[in-house]
Amino acid sequence: MSEHTEEPEPRRPNLRTGSETPIDPEDLAMAEGRDPTPENIERARRRIERLGAREAVDRATP
């Protein structure tokens, strides 16, 4: 007798953009490829304020 063995279902990747989690100005500065200096953090803070965190991250990352 041969046993029938079911193949496991393939794993689905857990894709995330990063914009679904909270983001700090420091995170945005680094996502834009900038060092988290006080100037870059302030620039990122203003960008988050202007665009919203989700839009700012989506524009900064591919």
C-alpha atoms as a PDB file:
ATOM      1  CA  MET A   1       0.000   0.000   0.000  1.00  0.00           C
ATOM      2  CA  SER A   2       1.215   3.460  -0.771  1.00  0.00           C
ATOM      3  CA  GLU A   3       0.468   6.336   1.543  1.00  0.00           C
ATOM      4  CA  HIS A   4      -0.886   9.554   0.140  1.00  0.00           C
ATOM      5  CA  THR A   5       1.037  12.466   1.560  1.00  0.00           C
ATOM      6  CA  GLU A   6      -0.356  15.928   1.049  1.00  0.00           C
ATOM      7  CA  GLU A   7       2.126  18.605   0.126  1.00  0.00           C
ATOM      8  CA  PRO A   8       2.146  21.578   2.467  1.00  0.00           C
ATOM      9  CA  GLU A   9       0.680  24.819   1.182  1.00  0.00           C
ATOM     10  CA  PRO A  10       3.322  27.297   0.020  1.00  0.00           C
ATOM     11  CA  ARG A  11       3.975  30.120   2.459  1.00  0.00           C
ATOM     12  CA  ARG A  12       2.690  33.485   1.425  1.00  0.00           C
ATOM     13  CA  PRO A  13       5.144  36.319   1.948  1.00  0.00           C
ATOM     14  CA  ASN A  14       4.253  38.867   4.596  1.00  0.00           C
ATOM     15  CA  LEU A  15       4.689  41.984   2.478  1.00  0.00           C
ATOM     16  CA  ARG A  16       4.744  45.331   4.222  1.00  0.00           C
ATOM     17  CA  THR A  17       5.478  48.820   3.048  1.00  0.00           C
ATOM     18  CA  GLY A  18       6.316  50.181   6.475  1.00  0.00           C
ATOM     19  CA  SER A  19       3.702  52.898   6.284  1.00  0.00           C
ATOM     20  CA  GLU A  20       1.216  50.821   8.279  1.00  0.00           C
ATOM     21  CA  THR A  21       3.239  51.264  11.488  1.00  0.00           C
ATOM     22  CA  PRO A  22       3.935  54.478  13.425  1.00  0.00           C
ATOM     23  CA  ILE A  23       6.851  56.486  12.109  1.00  0.00           C
ATOM     24  CA  ASP A  24       9.030  59.038  13.849  1.00  0.00           C
ATOM     25  CA  PRO A  25      10.845  61.890  12.137  1.00  0.00           C
ATOM     26  CA  GLU A  26      14.120  60.045  12.823  1.00  0.00           C
ATOM     27  CA  ASP A  27      12.780  57.017  10.940  1.00  0.00           C
ATOM     28  CA  LEU A  28      11.743  59.144   7.976  1.00  0.00           C
ATOM     29  CA  ALA A  29      15.111  60.910   7.841  1.00  0.00           C
ATOM     30  CA  MET A  30      16.899  57.557   7.697  1.00  0.00           C
ATOM     31  CA  ALA A  31      14.408  56.151   5.153  1.00  0.00           C
ATOM     32  CA  GLU A  32      15.310  59.098   2.931  1.00  0.00           C
ATOM     33  CA  GLY A  33      18.991  58.127   3.224  1.00  0.00           C
ATOM     34  CA  ARG A  34      19.882  61.018   5.516  1.00  0.00           C
ATOM     35  CA  ASP A  35      21.712  60.973   8.830  1.00  0.00           C
ATOM     36  CA  PRO A  36      19.405  61.687  11.780  1.00  0.00           C
ATOM     37  CA  THR A  37      20.906  65.089  12.512  1.00  0.00           C
ATOM     38  CA  PRO A  38      18.743  67.706  14.253  1.00  0.00           C
ATOM     39  CA  GLU A  39      18.297  69.529  10.934  1.00  0.00           C
ATOM     40  CA  ASN A  40      17.221  66.411   9.036  1.00  0.00           C
ATOM     41  CA  ILE A  41      14.908  65.332  11.862  1.00  0.00           C
ATOM     42  CA  GLU A  42      13.234  68.751  11.821  1.00  0.00           C
ATOM     43  CA  ARG A  43      12.891  68.584   8.037  1.00  0.00           C
ATOM     44  CA  ALA A  44      11.303  65.129   8.332  1.00  0.00           C
ATOM     45  CA  ARG A  45       8.991  66.334  11.119  1.00  0.00           C
ATOM     46  CA  ARG A  46       7.729  69.150   8.866  1.00  0.00           C
ATOM     47  CA  ARG A  47       7.283  66.725   5.968  1.00  0.00           C
ATOM     48  CA  ILE A  48       5.224  64.353   8.159  1.00  0.00           C
ATOM     49  CA  GLU A  49       3.183  67.311   9.350  1.00  0.00           C
ATOM     50  CA  ARG A  50       2.572  68.490   5.771  1.00  0.00           C
ATOM     51  CA  LEU A  51       1.938  65.150   4.046  1.00  0.00           C
ATOM     52  CA  GLY A  52       0.978  62.810   6.857  1.00  0.00           C
ATOM     53  CA  ALA A  53       3.170  59.932   7.970  1.00  0.00           C
ATOM     54  CA  ARG A  54       1.860  57.381   5.454  1.00  0.00           C
ATOM     55  CA  GLU A  55       2.344  59.628   2.409  1.00  0.00           C
ATOM     56  CA  ALA A  56       5.776  60.806   3.606  1.00  0.00           C
ATOM     57  CA  VAL A  57       7.003  57.202   3.986  1.00  0.00           C
ATOM     58  CA  ASP A  58       5.459  56.083   0.701  1.00  0.00           C
ATOM     59  CA  ARG A  59       7.241  58.897  -1.134  1.00  0.00           C
ATOM     60  CA  ALA A  60      10.569  58.171   0.603  1.00  0.00           C
ATOM     61  CA  THR A  61      10.658  54.437  -0.104  1.00  0.00           C
ATOM     62  CA  PRO A  62      10.409  52.562  -3.378  1.00  0.00           C
END
